[in-house]
C-alpha atoms as a PDB file:
ATOM      1  CA  UNK A   1     -62.776   8.267 -49.400  1.00  0.00           C
ATOM      2  CA  UNK A   2     -65.344   9.874 -47.067  1.00  0.00           C
ATOM      3  CA  UNK A   3     -64.969   7.003 -44.593  1.00  0.00           C
ATOM      4  CA  UNK A   4     -61.164   7.255 -44.661  1.00  0.00           C
ATOM      5  CA  UNK A   5     -61.457  10.934 -43.795  1.00  0.00           C
ATOM      6  CA  UNK A   6     -63.901  10.184 -40.962  1.00  0.00           C
ATOM      7  CA  UNK A   7     -61.627   7.428 -39.620  1.00  0.00           C
ATOM      8  CA  UNK A   8     -58.662   9.810 -39.523  1.00  0.00           C
ATOM      9  CA  UNK A   9     -60.857  12.512 -37.971  1.00  0.00           C
ATOM     10  CA  UNK A  10     -61.994  10.165 -35.173  1.00  0.00           C
ATOM     11  CA  UNK A  11     -58.405   9.451 -34.224  1.00  0.00           C
ATOM     12  CA  UNK A  12     -57.114  13.023 -34.545  1.00  0.00           C
ATOM     13  CA  UNK A  13     -60.040  14.800 -32.872  1.00  0.00           C
ATOM     14  CA  UNK A  14     -60.299  12.139 -30.164  1.00  0.00           C
ATOM     15  CA  UNK A  15     -56.612  12.433 -29.337  1.00  0.00           C
ATOM     16  CA  UNK A  16     -56.179  16.198 -29.543  1.00  0.00           C
ATOM     17  CA  UNK A  17     -59.504  18.004 -29.810  1.00  0.00           C
ATOM     18  CA  UNK A  18     -60.689  20.383 -32.496  1.00  0.00           C
ATOM     19  CA  UNK A  19     -58.255  23.248 -32.063  1.00  0.00           C
ATOM     20  CA  UNK A  20     -55.061  21.175 -32.053  1.00  0.00           C
ATOM     21  CA  UNK A  21     -55.846  19.214 -35.215  1.00  0.00           C
ATOM     22  CA  UNK A  22     -54.234  20.298 -38.461  1.00  0.00           C
ATOM     23  CA  UNK A  23     -56.284  19.726 -41.606  1.00  0.00           C
ATOM     24  CA  UNK A  24     -53.093  18.907 -43.494  1.00  0.00           C
ATOM     25  CA  UNK A  25     -52.007  16.246 -40.961  1.00  0.00           C
ATOM     26  CA  UNK A  26     -55.511  14.800 -40.925  1.00  0.00           C
ATOM     27  CA  UNK A  27     -55.603  14.716 -44.731  1.00  0.00           C
ATOM     28  CA  UNK A  28     -52.178  13.058 -44.878  1.00  0.00           C
ATOM     29  CA  UNK A  29     -53.297  10.301 -42.482  1.00  0.00           C
ATOM     30  CA  UNK A  30     -56.454   9.786 -44.542  1.00  0.00           C
ATOM     31  CA  UNK A  31     -54.422   9.626 -47.746  1.00  0.00           C
ATOM     32  CA  UNK A  32     -56.221  12.598 -49.287  1.00  0.00           C
ATOM     33  CA  UNK A  33     -55.568  16.275 -49.858  1.00  0.00           C
ATOM     34  CA  UNK A  34     -56.905  19.044 -47.647  1.00  0.00           C
ATOM     35  CA  UNK A  35     -59.069  20.070 -50.598  1.00  0.00           C
ATOM     36  CA  UNK A  36     -60.829  16.678 -50.407  1.00  0.00           C
ATOM     37  CA  UNK A  37     -61.821  17.409 -46.803  1.00  0.00           C
ATOM     38  CA  UNK A  38     -63.402  20.635 -47.999  1.00  0.00           C
ATOM     39  CA  UNK A  39     -65.076  18.831 -50.891  1.00  0.00           C
ATOM     40  CA  UNK A  40     -66.626  16.093 -48.740  1.00  0.00           C
ATOM     41  CA  UNK A  41     -67.304  18.061 -45.554  1.00  0.00           C
ATOM     42  CA  UNK A  42     -66.993  21.787 -46.269  1.00  0.00           C
ATOM     43  CA  UNK A  43     -64.060  22.344 -43.917  1.00  0.00           C
ATOM     44  CA  UNK A  44     -62.574  21.355 -40.600  1.00  0.00           C
ATOM     45  CA  UNK A  45     -65.508  22.514 -38.432  1.00  0.00           C
ATOM     46  CA  UNK A  46     -68.026  20.642 -40.554  1.00  0.00           C
ATOM     47  CA  UNK A  47     -65.834  17.521 -40.474  1.00  0.00           C
ATOM     48  CA  UNK A  48     -65.629  17.782 -36.709  1.00  0.00           C
ATOM     49  CA  UNK A  49     -69.423  18.131 -36.428  1.00  0.00           C
ATOM     50  CA  UNK A  50     -69.908  15.136 -38.721  1.00  0.00           C
ATOM     51  CA  UNK A  51     -67.451  13.106 -36.631  1.00  0.00           C
ATOM     52  CA  UNK A  52     -69.268  13.885 -33.372  1.00  0.00           C
ATOM     53  CA  UNK A  53     -72.696  13.180 -34.893  1.00  0.00           C
ATOM     54  CA  UNK A  54     -71.497   9.939 -36.438  1.00  0.00           C
ATOM     55  CA  UNK A  55     -69.970   8.836 -33.118  1.00  0.00           C
ATOM     56  CA  UNK A  56     -73.188   9.521 -31.250  1.00  0.00           C
ATOM     57  CA  UNK A  57     -75.301   7.772 -33.871  1.00  0.00           C
ATOM     58  CA  UNK A  58     -73.110   4.666 -33.773  1.00  0.00           C
ATOM     59  CA  UNK A  59     -73.210   4.511 -29.977  1.00  0.00           C
ATOM     60  CA  UNK A  60     -76.972   4.958 -29.812  1.00  0.00           C
ATOM     61  CA  UNK A  61     -77.513   2.362 -32.542  1.00  0.00           C
ATOM     62  CA  UNK A  62     -75.363  -0.160 -30.648  1.00  0.00           C
ATOM     63  CA  UNK A  63     -77.216   0.464 -27.390  1.00  0.00           C
ATOM     64  CA  UNK A  64     -80.635   0.397 -29.067  1.00  0.00           C
ATOM     65  CA  UNK A  65     -79.794  -2.939 -30.724  1.00  0.00           C
ATOM     66  CA  UNK A  66     -78.803  -4.377 -27.354  1.00  0.00           C
ATOM     67  CA  UNK A  67     -81.987  -3.118 -25.724  1.00  0.00           C
ATOM     68  CA  UNK A  68     -84.070  -4.581 -28.556  1.00  0.00           C
ATOM     69  CA  UNK A  69     -82.683  -7.986 -27.561  1.00  0.00           C
ATOM     70  CA  UNK A  70     -83.657  -7.476 -23.910  1.00  0.00           C
ATOM     71  CA  UNK A  71     -83.711  -4.595 -21.452  1.00  0.00           C
ATOM     72  CA  UNK A  72     -81.509  -6.081 -18.752  1.00  0.00           C
ATOM     73  CA  UNK A  73     -79.169  -3.453 -17.273  1.00  0.00           C
ATOM     74  CA  UNK A  74     -76.251  -5.908 -17.325  1.00  0.00           C
ATOM     75  CA  UNK A  75     -76.552  -6.413 -21.086  1.00  0.00           C
ATOM     76  CA  UNK A  76     -76.691  -2.663 -21.658  1.00  0.00           C
ATOM     77  CA  UNK A  77     -73.643  -1.955 -19.491  1.00  0.00           C
ATOM     78  CA  UNK A  78     -71.601  -4.704 -21.133  1.00  0.00           C
ATOM     79  CA  UNK A  79     -72.660  -3.499 -24.605  1.00  0.00           C
ATOM     80  CA  UNK A  80     -71.498   0.012 -23.715  1.00  0.00           C
ATOM     81  CA  UNK A  81     -68.203  -1.352 -22.410  1.00  0.00           C
ATOM     82  CA  UNK A  82     -67.699  -3.469 -25.543  1.00  0.00           C
ATOM     83  CA  UNK A  83     -68.447  -0.508 -27.788  1.00  0.00           C
ATOM     84  CA  UNK A  84     -65.925   1.710 -26.022  1.00  0.00           C
ATOM     85  CA  UNK A  85     -63.349  -1.095 -25.980  1.00  0.00           C
ATOM     86  CA  UNK A  86     -63.596  -1.376 -29.754  1.00  0.00           C
ATOM     87  CA  UNK A  87     -63.979   2.375 -30.354  1.00  0.00           C
ATOM     88  CA  UNK A  88     -61.473   3.756 -27.832  1.00  0.00           C
ATOM     89  CA  UNK A  89     -61.238   7.134 -29.534  1.00  0.00           C
ATOM     90  CA  UNK A  90     -64.950   7.795 -29.060  1.00  0.00           C
ATOM     91  CA  UNK A  91     -65.160   8.502 -25.361  1.00  0.00           C
ATOM     92  CA  UNK A  92     -62.294  10.976 -25.541  1.00  0.00           C
ATOM     93  CA  UNK A  93     -63.899  12.673 -28.544  1.00  0.00           C
ATOM     94  CA  UNK A  94     -67.255  13.028 -26.783  1.00  0.00           C
ATOM     95  CA  UNK A  95     -65.622  14.192 -23.569  1.00  0.00           C
ATOM     96  CA  UNK A  96     -63.721  16.834 -25.522  1.00  0.00           C
ATOM     97  CA  UNK A  97     -66.945  17.873 -27.203  1.00  0.00           C
ATOM     98  CA  UNK A  98     -68.711  18.373 -23.885  1.00  0.00           C
ATOM     99  CA  UNK A  99     -65.747  20.242 -22.401  1.00  0.00           C
ATOM    100  CA  UNK A 100     -64.993  22.339 -25.481  1.00  0.00           C
ATOM    101  CA  UNK A 101     -68.615  22.782 -26.548  1.00  0.00           C
ATOM    102  CA  UNK A 102     -69.793  23.723 -23.081  1.00  0.00           C
ATOM    103  CA  UNK A 103     -73.403  23.861 -22.042  1.00  0.00           C
ATOM    104  CA  UNK A 104     -74.626  24.487 -25.568  1.00  0.00           C
ATOM    105  CA  UNK A 105     -73.663  21.051 -26.935  1.00  0.00           C
ATOM    106  CA  UNK A 106     -73.652  18.835 -23.844  1.00  0.00           C
ATOM    107  CA  UNK A 107     -77.421  18.445 -23.438  1.00  0.00           C
ATOM    108  CA  UNK A 108     -77.885  17.716 -27.138  1.00  0.00           C
ATOM    109  CA  UNK A 109     -75.385  14.872 -26.883  1.00  0.00           C
ATOM    110  CA  UNK A 110     -77.203  13.096 -24.066  1.00  0.00           C
ATOM    111  CA  UNK A 111     -80.857  13.640 -25.026  1.00  0.00           C
ATOM    112  CA  UNK A 112     -81.002  10.579 -27.305  1.00  0.00           C
ATOM    113  CA  UNK A 113     -79.310   8.447 -24.641  1.00  0.00           C
ATOM    114  CA  UNK A 114     -81.728   9.658 -21.966  1.00  0.00           C
ATOM    115  CA  UNK A 115     -84.690   8.934 -24.231  1.00  0.00           C
ATOM    116  CA  UNK A 116     -83.355   5.428 -24.809  1.00  0.00           C
ATOM    117  CA  UNK A 117     -82.905   4.790 -21.086  1.00  0.00           C
ATOM    118  CA  UNK A 118     -86.318   6.206 -20.167  1.00  0.00           C
ATOM    119  CA  UNK A 119     -88.011   4.162 -22.898  1.00  0.00           C
ATOM    120  CA  UNK A 120     -86.584   0.914 -21.538  1.00  0.00           C
ATOM    121  CA  UNK A 121     -86.186   1.545 -17.798  1.00  0.00           C
ATOM    122  CA  UNK A 122     -88.715   4.284 -17.102  1.00  0.00           C
ATOM    123  CA  UNK A 123     -88.134   7.776 -15.818  1.00  0.00           C
ATOM    124  CA  UNK A 124     -87.622   6.624 -12.251  1.00  0.00           C
ATOM    125  CA  UNK A 125     -84.897   8.859 -10.718  1.00  0.00           C
ATOM    126  CA  UNK A 126     -83.304   5.882  -8.939  1.00  0.00           C
ATOM    127  CA  UNK A 127     -82.989   3.931 -12.200  1.00  0.00           C
ATOM    128  CA  UNK A 128     -81.483   6.945 -13.949  1.00  0.00           C
ATOM    129  CA  UNK A 129     -79.026   7.477 -11.077  1.00  0.00           C
ATOM    130  CA  UNK A 130     -77.881   3.870 -11.403  1.00  0.00           C
ATOM    131  CA  UNK A 131     -77.491   4.286 -15.174  1.00  0.00           C
ATOM    132  CA  UNK A 132     -75.481   7.495 -14.728  1.00  0.00           C
ATOM    133  CA  UNK A 133     -73.182   5.848 -12.191  1.00  0.00           C
ATOM    134  CA  UNK A 134     -72.606   2.788 -14.364  1.00  0.00           C
ATOM    135  CA  UNK A 135     -72.080   4.707 -17.593  1.00  0.00           C
ATOM    136  CA  UNK A 136     -69.693   7.037 -15.778  1.00  0.00           C
ATOM    137  CA  UNK A 137     -67.692   4.163 -14.320  1.00  0.00           C
ATOM    138  CA  UNK A 138     -67.398   2.526 -17.726  1.00  0.00           C
ATOM    139  CA  UNK A 139     -66.476   5.730 -19.578  1.00  0.00           C
ATOM    140  CA  UNK A 140     -63.943   6.767 -16.933  1.00  0.00           C
ATOM    141  CA  UNK A 141     -62.002   3.544 -17.415  1.00  0.00           C
ATOM    142  CA  UNK A 142     -61.272   4.495 -21.024  1.00  0.00           C
ATOM    143  CA  UNK A 143     -60.780   8.207 -20.380  1.00  0.00           C
ATOM    144  CA  UNK A 144     -58.257   7.600 -17.620  1.00  0.00           C
ATOM    145  CA  UNK A 145     -56.516   4.558 -19.126  1.00  0.00           C
ATOM    146  CA  UNK A 146     -53.043   6.197 -19.157  1.00  0.00           C
ATOM    147  CA  UNK A 147     -53.326   7.057 -15.464  1.00  0.00           C
ATOM    148  CA  UNK A 148     -54.835   3.691 -14.597  1.00  0.00           C
ATOM    149  CA  UNK A 149     -51.854   1.971 -16.210  1.00  0.00           C
ATOM    150  CA  UNK A 150     -49.586   3.660 -13.703  1.00  0.00           C
ATOM    151  CA  UNK A 151     -51.973   2.928 -10.847  1.00  0.00           C
ATOM    152  CA  UNK A 152     -52.339  -0.800 -11.487  1.00  0.00           C
ATOM    153  CA  UNK A 153     -48.907  -1.366 -13.018  1.00  0.00           C
ATOM    154  CA  UNK A 154     -50.229  -2.862 -16.250  1.00  0.00           C
ATOM    155  CA  UNK A 155     -51.756  -1.788 -19.538  1.00  0.00           C
ATOM    156  CA  UNK A 156     -55.486  -1.331 -18.770  1.00  0.00           C
ATOM    157  CA  UNK A 157     -56.288  -1.666 -22.489  1.00  0.00           C
ATOM    158  CA  UNK A 158     -54.586  -5.026 -22.986  1.00  0.00           C
ATOM    159  CA  UNK A 159     -56.960  -7.835 -24.007  1.00  0.00           C
ATOM    160  CA  UNK A 160     -56.495  -9.502 -20.614  1.00  0.00           C
ATOM    161  CA  UNK A 161     -57.215  -6.304 -18.663  1.00  0.00           C
ATOM    162  CA  UNK A 162     -60.230  -5.493 -20.839  1.00  0.00           C
ATOM    163  CA  UNK A 163     -61.674  -8.989 -20.306  1.00  0.00           C
ATOM    164  CA  UNK A 164     -61.178  -8.630 -16.555  1.00  0.00           C
ATOM    165  CA  UNK A 165     -62.792  -5.183 -16.523  1.00  0.00           C
ATOM    166  CA  UNK A 166     -65.703  -6.436 -18.645  1.00  0.00           C
ATOM    167  CA  UNK A 167     -66.384  -9.200 -16.095  1.00  0.00           C
ATOM    168  CA  UNK A 168     -66.137  -6.631 -13.319  1.00  0.00           C
ATOM    169  CA  UNK A 169     -68.694  -4.365 -15.037  1.00  0.00           C
ATOM    170  CA  UNK A 170     -71.135  -7.265 -15.427  1.00  0.00           C
ATOM    171  CA  UNK A 171     -70.644  -8.276 -11.801  1.00  0.00           C
ATOM    172  CA  UNK A 172     -71.064  -4.691 -10.612  1.00  0.00           C
ATOM    173  CA  UNK A 173     -74.363  -4.335 -12.474  1.00  0.00           C
ATOM    174  CA  UNK A 174     -75.653  -7.627 -11.054  1.00  0.00           C
ATOM    175  CA  UNK A 175     -74.799  -6.467  -7.517  1.00  0.00           C
ATOM    176  CA  UNK A 176     -76.318  -3.021  -7.930  1.00  0.00           C
ATOM    177  CA  UNK A 177     -79.533  -4.242  -9.497  1.00  0.00           C
ATOM    178  CA  UNK A 178     -79.871  -7.030  -6.926  1.00  0.00           C
ATOM    179  CA  UNK A 179     -79.484  -4.538  -4.074  1.00  0.00           C
ATOM    180  CA  UNK A 180     -81.654  -1.771  -5.538  1.00  0.00           C
ATOM    181  CA  UNK A 181     -85.045  -1.186  -3.969  1.00  0.00           C
END
């Protein structure tokens, strides 16, 4: 039941943010009562916090597993793309958290990611700049998918478009890392 609530919370909070989500609508989608949300999470705010923490933990675990297999930037970028392609709600949820949470929450969300990058690529500012640019380009694709659909005249989240974008991300990383000093 806890996982059903979290699944509904990911979708609702990712689509609308904390303030716009109704506990009753969320509970209905999860197939539970609002009282069950309180029982398992202690309320809407605590459910939201658990959803954000769970999202971050899943992302970091996926990236850490990829890095354990080899620290090539291309593999990391493609793993990030694949994660967001399968968890489309996540990037919007985390973006909302940074925007809504402001400076207080933003740094806490990226510290584990920075530690992961530094551990595998070093603290070199150039390497971190490349990582920021690549992660931003990947995340933006999912954040702006509705606008991109209008721009390119096709559904950017269709399997064909996602496969094309995935190849593009891999190619982009190969070019950048080949040309980096």
